[in-house]
């Protein structure tokens, strides 16, 4: 199954590290954020996409006001 969720964050809001049973794709709609996947940090900005593989810990922190579309793929 596929799930699509829109998220909006104020600057410095975050989602703590967690894992997921399915792959996830983040499309950045506005702003920028720091995404950490398995300890490796990535800065993403509007128009960019990042993949968070199933089973790997990931976290997110908004660097400024931030909006994203999350597409979850569950088997």
C-alpha atoms as a PDB file:
ATOM      1  CA  UNK A   1       0.000   0.000   0.000  1.00  0.00           C
ATOM      2  CA  UNK A   2       0.990   3.622  -0.472  1.00  0.00           C
ATOM      3  CA  UNK A   3       0.316   6.492   1.924  1.00  0.00           C
ATOM      4  CA  UNK A   4       0.773  10.200   1.223  1.00  0.00           C
ATOM      5  CA  UNK A   5       1.009  12.722   4.068  1.00  0.00           C
ATOM      6  CA  UNK A   6       1.714  16.459   4.017  1.00  0.00           C
ATOM      7  CA  UNK A   7       3.762  17.893   6.892  1.00  0.00           C
ATOM      8  CA  UNK A   8       4.508  21.494   7.918  1.00  0.00           C
ATOM      9  CA  UNK A   9       7.125  22.446  10.524  1.00  0.00           C
ATOM     10  CA  UNK A  10       8.202  25.696  12.160  1.00  0.00           C
ATOM     11  CA  UNK A  11      11.928  26.385  12.366  1.00  0.00           C
ATOM     12  CA  UNK A  12      13.711  23.959  14.709  1.00  0.00           C
ATOM     13  CA  UNK A  13      10.780  21.526  14.996  1.00  0.00           C
ATOM     14  CA  UNK A  14      11.858  17.940  14.583  1.00  0.00           C
ATOM     15  CA  UNK A  15      10.903  14.294  14.353  1.00  0.00           C
ATOM     16  CA  UNK A  16      13.161  12.142  16.516  1.00  0.00           C
ATOM     17  CA  UNK A  17      14.955   9.088  15.168  1.00  0.00           C
ATOM     18  CA  UNK A  18      12.728   6.125  14.327  1.00  0.00           C
ATOM     19  CA  UNK A  19      12.483   3.306  11.786  1.00  0.00           C
ATOM     20  CA  UNK A  20       9.771   2.314   9.358  1.00  0.00           C
ATOM     21  CA  UNK A  21       8.738  -1.016   7.868  1.00  0.00           C
ATOM     22  CA  UNK A  22       8.423   0.527   4.393  1.00  0.00           C
ATOM     23  CA  UNK A  23      10.514   2.767   2.168  1.00  0.00           C
ATOM     24  CA  UNK A  24       9.694   6.475   2.347  1.00  0.00           C
ATOM     25  CA  UNK A  25      10.220   9.305  -0.121  1.00  0.00           C
ATOM     26  CA  UNK A  26      10.234  12.945   0.987  1.00  0.00           C
ATOM     27  CA  UNK A  27       9.535  15.711  -1.538  1.00  0.00           C
ATOM     28  CA  UNK A  28      10.503  19.093  -0.082  1.00  0.00           C
ATOM     29  CA  UNK A  29       7.820  21.661  -0.941  1.00  0.00           C
ATOM     30  CA  UNK A  30       9.135  24.718   0.965  1.00  0.00           C
ATOM     31  CA  UNK A  31      12.069  25.650   3.183  1.00  0.00           C
ATOM     32  CA  UNK A  32      14.927  23.409   4.209  1.00  0.00           C
ATOM     33  CA  UNK A  33      15.620  20.654   6.701  1.00  0.00           C
ATOM     34  CA  UNK A  34      18.336  18.386   7.973  1.00  0.00           C
ATOM     35  CA  UNK A  35      17.502  14.717   7.416  1.00  0.00           C
ATOM     36  CA  UNK A  36      19.627  12.104   9.155  1.00  0.00           C
ATOM     37  CA  UNK A  37      19.545   8.546   7.829  1.00  0.00           C
ATOM     38  CA  UNK A  38      21.584   5.871   9.624  1.00  0.00           C
ATOM     39  CA  UNK A  39      23.773   8.591  11.168  1.00  0.00           C
ATOM     40  CA  UNK A  40      24.485  10.398   7.881  1.00  0.00           C
ATOM     41  CA  UNK A  41      23.186  13.976   7.696  1.00  0.00           C
ATOM     42  CA  UNK A  42      21.694  15.502   4.531  1.00  0.00           C
ATOM     43  CA  UNK A  43      20.457  19.067   4.010  1.00  0.00           C
ATOM     44  CA  UNK A  44      17.425  19.207   1.706  1.00  0.00           C
ATOM     45  CA  UNK A  45      15.702  22.217   0.185  1.00  0.00           C
ATOM     46  CA  UNK A  46      12.560  23.033  -1.800  1.00  0.00           C
ATOM     47  CA  UNK A  47      12.314  20.949  -4.968  1.00  0.00           C
ATOM     48  CA  UNK A  48      14.587  18.164  -3.724  1.00  0.00           C
ATOM     49  CA  UNK A  49      13.723  14.539  -2.943  1.00  0.00           C
ATOM     50  CA  UNK A  50      15.311  12.153  -0.453  1.00  0.00           C
ATOM     51  CA  UNK A  51      14.659   8.442   0.083  1.00  0.00           C
ATOM     52  CA  UNK A  52      14.581   6.907   3.565  1.00  0.00           C
ATOM     53  CA  UNK A  53      14.977   3.123   3.206  1.00  0.00           C
ATOM     54  CA  UNK A  54      12.928   0.717   5.329  1.00  0.00           C
ATOM     55  CA  UNK A  55      14.556  -0.447   8.530  1.00  0.00           C
ATOM     56  CA  UNK A  56      17.140   2.365   8.685  1.00  0.00           C
ATOM     57  CA  UNK A  57      16.815   4.901  11.506  1.00  0.00           C
ATOM     58  CA  UNK A  58      15.968   8.395  10.295  1.00  0.00           C
ATOM     59  CA  UNK A  59      15.184  11.779  11.843  1.00  0.00           C
ATOM     60  CA  UNK A  60      14.322  15.245  10.568  1.00  0.00           C
ATOM     61  CA  UNK A  61      14.870  18.801  11.842  1.00  0.00           C
ATOM     62  CA  UNK A  62      13.494  21.901  10.111  1.00  0.00           C
ATOM     63  CA  UNK A  63      16.218  24.506   9.566  1.00  0.00           C
ATOM     64  CA  UNK A  64      13.539  27.092   8.806  1.00  0.00           C
ATOM     65  CA  UNK A  65       9.799  26.852   8.121  1.00  0.00           C
ATOM     66  CA  UNK A  66       9.473  23.657   6.143  1.00  0.00           C
ATOM     67  CA  UNK A  67       6.803  21.749   4.212  1.00  0.00           C
ATOM     68  CA  UNK A  68       7.126  18.267   2.774  1.00  0.00           C
ATOM     69  CA  UNK A  69       5.118  15.524   1.150  1.00  0.00           C
ATOM     70  CA  UNK A  70       5.884  12.066   2.544  1.00  0.00           C
ATOM     71  CA  UNK A  71       5.151   9.038   0.357  1.00  0.00           C
ATOM     72  CA  UNK A  72       5.268   5.762   2.311  1.00  0.00           C
ATOM     73  CA  UNK A  73       5.412   2.435   0.501  1.00  0.00           C
ATOM     74  CA  UNK A  74       4.450  -0.552   2.651  1.00  0.00           C
ATOM     75  CA  UNK A  75       4.605  -4.124   1.466  1.00  0.00           C
END
